[in-house]
Amino acid sequence: MQKNTLLALSSVLEFAAAPGRHVAAFDIAEKYRVSPPHPANVLSDPAPAGILDSAPGVGGRYRFTRHALPLQPPRLARRFAG
């Protein structure tokens, strides 16, 4: 699995575990030891698709917008892999 796909999948599953909570892109970068702009680049695709709600600004924030049960990790991985 590519690094971007793994980061995106791990982030989305983390958001799903705490629905309603906003998480800063900086916090994701710190947790997964990547550069701060990296999460924003990787997570830019699911936000419009209704998986995440994003808030612009310095250190942009993300929040999970779907019920976690219908998510299937292999399906998400294919989506992020392109």
Protein backbone atom coordinates (compact mmCIF):
# COMPACT_ATOMS: atom_id res chain seq x y z
CA MET A 1 0.00 0.00 0.00
CA GLN A 2 1.33 3.45 -0.87
CA LYS A 3 2.25 5.87 1.91
CA ASN A 4 -0.43 8.38 0.85
CA THR A 5 -3.12 5.70 0.82
CA LEU A 6 -2.08 4.45 4.25
CA LEU A 7 -2.07 7.99 5.69
CA ALA A 8 -5.51 8.75 4.26
CA LEU A 9 -7.01 5.45 5.39
CA SER A 10 -5.52 5.73 8.90
CA SER A 11 -6.76 9.31 9.23
CA VAL A 12 -10.30 8.55 8.08
CA LEU A 13 -10.57 5.57 10.43
CA GLU A 14 -9.29 7.73 13.29
CA PHE A 15 -11.96 10.36 12.52
CA ALA A 16 -14.60 7.63 12.36
CA ALA A 17 -13.65 6.52 15.87
CA ALA A 18 -14.45 10.01 17.20
CA PRO A 19 -17.27 11.41 15.04
CA GLY A 20 -18.01 15.08 15.50
CA ARG A 21 -14.52 15.91 16.72
CA HIS A 22 -12.46 18.33 14.61
CA VAL A 23 -8.84 17.30 14.11
CA ALA A 24 -6.14 19.69 12.89
CA ALA A 25 -4.04 18.71 9.89
CA PHE A 26 -0.98 19.54 12.03
CA ASP A 27 -2.06 16.93 14.63
CA ILE A 28 -2.39 14.29 11.92
CA ALA A 29 1.04 15.20 10.55
CA GLU A 30 2.58 14.96 13.99
CA LYS A 31 0.96 11.61 14.81
CA TYR A 32 1.99 9.97 11.54
CA ARG A 33 5.36 11.76 11.31
CA VAL A 34 4.83 13.49 7.98
CA SER A 35 5.25 17.11 6.91
CA PRO A 36 2.37 19.41 7.99
CA PRO A 37 1.07 20.07 4.43
CA HIS A 38 1.00 16.34 3.64
CA PRO A 39 -2.35 15.51 5.33
CA ALA A 40 -4.06 18.41 3.59
CA ASN A 41 -2.85 17.16 0.22
CA VAL A 42 -3.82 13.56 0.92
CA LEU A 43 -7.21 14.38 2.47
CA SER A 44 -8.31 16.92 -0.12
CA ASP A 45 -10.13 14.25 -2.15
CA PRO A 46 -12.50 12.74 0.46
CA ALA A 47 -13.74 16.08 1.76
CA PRO A 48 -15.85 16.85 -1.30
CA ALA A 49 -17.00 13.23 -1.47
CA GLY A 50 -18.86 13.55 1.83
CA ILE A 51 -16.48 11.49 3.95
CA LEU A 52 -14.87 14.46 5.69
CA ASP A 53 -15.86 18.01 6.36
CA SER A 54 -12.91 20.35 6.11
CA ALA A 55 -12.39 23.79 7.61
CA PRO A 56 -9.95 26.10 5.83
CA GLY A 57 -7.28 28.12 7.55
CA VAL A 58 -3.92 27.68 9.14
CA GLY A 59 -3.65 24.06 10.21
CA GLY A 60 -7.02 23.26 8.58
CA ARG A 61 -9.32 20.97 10.50
CA TYR A 62 -11.22 17.86 9.47
CA ARG A 63 -14.30 16.16 10.88
CA PHE A 64 -15.88 12.85 9.92
CA THR A 65 -19.31 13.32 8.35
CA ARG A 66 -20.59 9.77 7.81
CA HIS A 67 -21.70 6.97 10.07
CA ALA A 68 -18.70 4.68 10.59
CA LEU A 69 -20.48 1.35 10.09
CA PRO A 70 -20.89 1.40 6.28
CA LEU A 71 -17.21 2.22 5.73
CA GLN A 72 -15.17 -0.61 4.29
CA PRO A 73 -11.39 -0.13 4.57
CA PRO A 74 -10.59 -1.95 1.29
CA ARG A 75 -13.09 0.24 -0.55
CA LEU A 76 -11.62 3.39 1.00
CA ALA A 77 -8.10 2.25 0.14
CA ARG A 78 -9.07 1.83 -3.53
CA ARG A 79 -10.61 5.31 -3.51
CA PHE A 80 -7.47 6.94 -2.14
CA ALA A 81 -5.17 4.91 -4.38
CA GLY A 82 -6.86 6.48 -7.40
